[in-house]
Amino acid sequence: MTEEKLINAVGELIVGEGFESLGVRKVAEQAGVNKTLIYRYFESLDGLIYAYMKKHDFWLNTPLERPDVSDIKVYLKMFYRREIAEYRDNIALKRLKRWELSSDKDFVVEIRAQREKNGVQFMEVMSGFAKVDKEQLQAISALMDAGIVYLAMFAENCKMYNGIDIQSDKGWDQIAKGIDVLIDIMIK
């Protein structure tokens, strides 16, 4: 329960005060626990941030085995809608992703490697359903995923992108429908 309080406090502080406000003392105060517990459970503030990212990262928490579905296109359309929803809804995760872009901390490198491993595994499974070759599938999927993450981060400070209101449900529905078209093109 204490670990969970500390992990949640990271997200609360990032949303309330920004990533730059994170510190051992502040996180402990937010969680209502002694700061020595951060060291006991996570070894450091970096360890706690790592735990938050592992708990909330889309690609680290998505089952990647071959889906047992009758319509793979429907499955993939829902998959990307879940990714959109997760990045739109989790302000702390968006801010951590933005911070991560300029970090080379060991735990960030480890998370990137885990995401890459999961992404490659996902591509292996999906390539069995694709009309396009694996390299094209990888490129299209990379663009869709990167676009979702980028636009979700960008939407925090910018209303429009390419004429689409990226701060509105209507704009994100337009993006999701564009992804649907790509899925229809590349999946059998």
Protein backbone atom coordinates (compact mmCIF):
# COMPACT_ATOMS: atom_id res chain seq x y z
CA MET A 1 0.00 0.00 0.00
CA THR A 2 2.86 2.39 0.79
CA GLU A 3 4.55 1.61 -2.54
CA GLU A 4 1.29 2.38 -4.33
CA LYS A 5 0.92 5.68 -2.45
CA LEU A 6 4.41 6.70 -3.48
CA ILE A 7 3.87 5.74 -7.13
CA ASN A 8 0.58 7.66 -7.19
CA ALA A 9 2.22 10.67 -5.54
CA VAL A 10 4.67 10.90 -8.46
CA GLY A 11 1.78 11.24 -10.92
CA GLU A 12 -0.08 13.70 -8.71
CA LEU A 13 2.95 15.97 -8.35
CA ILE A 14 3.77 15.88 -12.05
CA VAL A 15 0.18 16.87 -12.89
CA GLY A 16 -0.09 19.49 -10.14
CA GLU A 17 3.33 21.09 -10.18
CA GLY A 18 5.25 19.70 -13.16
CA PHE A 19 8.03 17.17 -13.52
CA GLU A 20 10.64 19.65 -12.34
CA SER A 21 9.01 19.77 -8.87
CA LEU A 22 9.73 16.11 -8.15
CA GLY A 23 11.97 15.50 -5.20
CA VAL A 24 12.20 12.84 -2.53
CA ARG A 25 10.84 15.14 0.17
CA LYS A 26 7.93 16.39 -1.95
CA VAL A 27 6.91 12.92 -3.08
CA ALA A 28 7.02 11.62 0.50
CA GLU A 29 4.91 14.55 1.72
CA GLN A 30 2.40 14.02 -1.09
CA ALA A 31 2.14 10.33 -0.20
CA GLY A 32 1.97 11.07 3.52
CA VAL A 33 4.92 8.80 4.35
CA ASN A 34 8.49 9.14 5.57
CA LYS A 35 10.98 9.83 2.77
CA THR A 36 13.19 6.93 3.89
CA LEU A 37 10.50 4.61 2.51
CA ILE A 38 11.32 5.81 -1.01
CA TYR A 39 14.84 4.50 -0.54
CA ARG A 40 13.61 1.27 1.07
CA TYR A 41 11.15 0.41 -1.69
CA PHE A 42 12.71 2.05 -4.75
CA GLU A 43 16.36 2.84 -3.80
CA SER A 44 16.10 6.37 -5.24
CA LEU A 45 13.80 8.92 -6.82
CA ASP A 46 14.84 7.51 -10.21
CA GLY A 47 13.70 4.07 -9.04
CA LEU A 48 10.33 5.53 -8.08
CA ILE A 49 9.94 7.32 -11.42
CA TYR A 50 10.88 4.05 -13.13
CA ALA A 51 8.13 2.25 -11.15
CA TYR A 52 5.60 4.91 -12.20
CA MET A 53 6.58 4.63 -15.85
CA LYS A 54 6.49 0.82 -15.80
CA LYS A 55 3.03 0.87 -14.24
CA HIS A 56 1.55 3.36 -16.70
CA ASP A 57 3.43 2.94 -19.99
CA PHE A 58 1.15 1.71 -22.78
CA TRP A 59 3.70 -0.51 -24.53
CA LEU A 60 4.91 -2.08 -21.30
CA ASN A 61 1.38 -3.02 -20.20
CA THR A 62 -0.24 -4.22 -23.41
CA PRO A 63 -0.69 -7.95 -23.97
CA LEU A 64 1.20 -8.73 -27.17
CA GLU A 65 0.35 -12.38 -27.82
CA ARG A 66 -1.56 -13.40 -30.91
CA PRO A 67 -5.08 -12.10 -30.34
CA ASP A 68 -7.86 -14.66 -30.35
CA VAL A 69 -10.29 -12.56 -32.35
CA SER A 70 -12.51 -13.14 -35.32
CA ASP A 71 -11.70 -9.74 -36.87
CA ILE A 72 -8.11 -8.56 -36.60
CA LYS A 73 -8.95 -5.18 -38.12
CA VAL A 74 -11.46 -4.45 -35.35
CA TYR A 75 -8.90 -5.59 -32.78
CA LEU A 76 -6.22 -3.25 -34.17
CA LYS A 77 -8.59 -0.30 -34.44
CA MET A 78 -9.52 -0.76 -30.79
CA PHE A 79 -5.84 -1.24 -29.88
CA TYR A 80 -4.90 2.16 -31.30
CA ARG A 81 -7.96 3.80 -29.73
CA ARG A 82 -6.78 2.46 -26.34
CA GLU A 83 -3.36 3.96 -26.98
CA ILE A 84 -4.95 7.30 -27.88
CA ALA A 85 -7.09 7.23 -24.74
CA GLU A 86 -4.19 6.35 -22.46
CA TYR A 87 -1.97 9.13 -23.75
CA ARG A 88 -4.76 11.69 -23.77
CA ASP A 89 -5.93 10.81 -20.26
CA ASN A 90 -2.63 10.52 -18.40
CA ILE A 91 -1.11 13.99 -18.10
CA ALA A 92 1.77 12.74 -15.94
CA LEU A 93 2.71 10.11 -18.49
CA LYS A 94 2.72 12.70 -21.30
CA ARG A 95 5.01 14.95 -19.28
CA LEU A 96 7.31 12.04 -18.46
CA LYS A 97 7.44 11.10 -22.15
CA ARG A 98 8.43 14.67 -23.00
CA TRP A 99 11.15 14.57 -20.31
CA GLU A 100 12.26 11.14 -21.51
CA LEU A 101 13.07 12.54 -24.96
CA SER A 102 16.10 14.31 -23.51
CA SER A 103 17.17 11.75 -20.91
CA ASP A 104 19.78 9.05 -21.09
CA LYS A 105 19.36 7.78 -17.53
CA ASP A 106 19.92 4.05 -17.19
CA PHE A 107 16.30 3.32 -16.22
CA VAL A 108 15.03 5.30 -19.23
CA VAL A 109 17.32 3.33 -21.54
CA GLU A 110 15.97 0.13 -19.94
CA ILE A 111 12.35 1.20 -20.46
CA ARG A 112 13.07 2.05 -24.10
CA ALA A 113 14.63 -1.39 -24.59
CA GLN A 114 11.57 -3.07 -23.05
CA ARG A 115 9.24 -1.05 -25.28
CA GLU A 116 11.32 -1.93 -28.34
CA LYS A 117 11.22 -5.62 -27.44
CA ASN A 118 7.44 -5.47 -27.02
CA GLY A 119 7.03 -3.50 -30.25
CA VAL A 120 9.09 -6.02 -32.22
CA GLN A 121 7.03 -8.84 -30.71
CA PHE A 122 3.83 -7.01 -31.67
CA MET A 123 5.09 -6.58 -35.25
CA GLU A 124 5.94 -10.29 -35.46
CA VAL A 125 2.37 -11.18 -34.53
CA MET A 126 0.76 -8.53 -36.75
CA SER A 127 2.92 -9.33 -39.78
CA GLY A 128 0.98 -12.58 -40.12
CA PHE A 129 -2.14 -10.53 -40.84
CA ALA A 130 -0.62 -7.89 -43.09
CA LYS A 131 -1.18 -7.29 -46.81
CA VAL A 132 2.07 -5.31 -46.90
CA ASP A 133 5.55 -6.66 -46.25
CA LYS A 134 6.96 -6.58 -42.75
CA GLU A 135 9.18 -3.54 -43.35
CA GLN A 136 6.22 -1.49 -44.60
CA LEU A 137 4.12 -2.67 -41.66
CA GLN A 138 6.86 -1.62 -39.24
CA ALA A 139 7.16 1.81 -40.85
CA ILE A 140 3.41 2.48 -40.89
CA SER A 141 3.01 1.25 -37.32
CA ALA A 142 5.95 3.38 -36.15
CA LEU A 143 4.37 6.46 -37.72
CA MET A 144 0.98 5.74 -36.14
CA ASP A 145 2.45 5.14 -32.68
CA ALA A 146 4.84 8.10 -32.82
CA GLY A 147 2.05 10.32 -34.14
CA ILE A 148 -0.26 9.38 -31.28
CA VAL A 149 2.39 10.05 -28.64
CA TYR A 150 3.60 13.28 -30.23
CA LEU A 151 0.12 14.71 -30.77
CA ALA A 152 -0.99 13.78 -27.25
CA MET A 153 2.07 15.56 -25.80
CA PHE A 154 1.68 18.51 -28.15
CA ALA A 155 -2.03 18.92 -27.34
CA GLU A 156 -1.20 20.04 -23.82
CA ASN A 157 0.14 23.34 -25.20
CA CYS A 158 -1.29 23.58 -28.70
CA LYS A 159 -4.88 23.43 -29.92
CA MET A 160 -4.49 22.72 -33.63
CA TYR A 161 -2.29 20.46 -35.71
CA ASN A 162 -2.69 20.24 -39.47
CA GLY A 163 -6.17 21.74 -39.14
CA ILE A 164 -7.25 19.16 -36.53
CA ASP A 165 -8.32 20.27 -33.05
CA ILE A 166 -6.08 17.96 -31.03
CA GLN A 167 -7.57 19.15 -27.76
CA SER A 168 -11.05 17.88 -28.64
CA ASP A 169 -12.70 14.48 -28.81
CA LYS A 170 -13.84 15.35 -32.34
CA GLY A 171 -10.26 15.95 -33.47
CA TRP A 172 -9.04 12.69 -31.94
CA ASP A 173 -11.95 10.82 -33.50
CA GLN A 174 -10.77 12.20 -36.85
CA ILE A 175 -7.26 10.90 -36.11
CA ALA A 176 -8.62 7.49 -35.04
CA LYS A 177 -10.62 7.25 -38.24
CA GLY A 178 -7.48 8.04 -40.24
CA ILE A 179 -5.72 5.19 -38.43
CA ASP A 180 -8.68 2.97 -39.28
CA VAL A 181 -8.11 3.70 -42.98
CA LEU A 182 -4.44 2.75 -42.67
CA ILE A 183 -5.38 -0.49 -40.90
CA ASP A 184 -7.88 -1.31 -43.64
CA ILE A 185 -5.15 -0.78 -46.23
CA MET A 186 -2.41 -2.79 -44.56
CA ILE A 187 -4.28 -5.69 -42.89
CA LYS A 188 -5.93 -8.64 -44.70
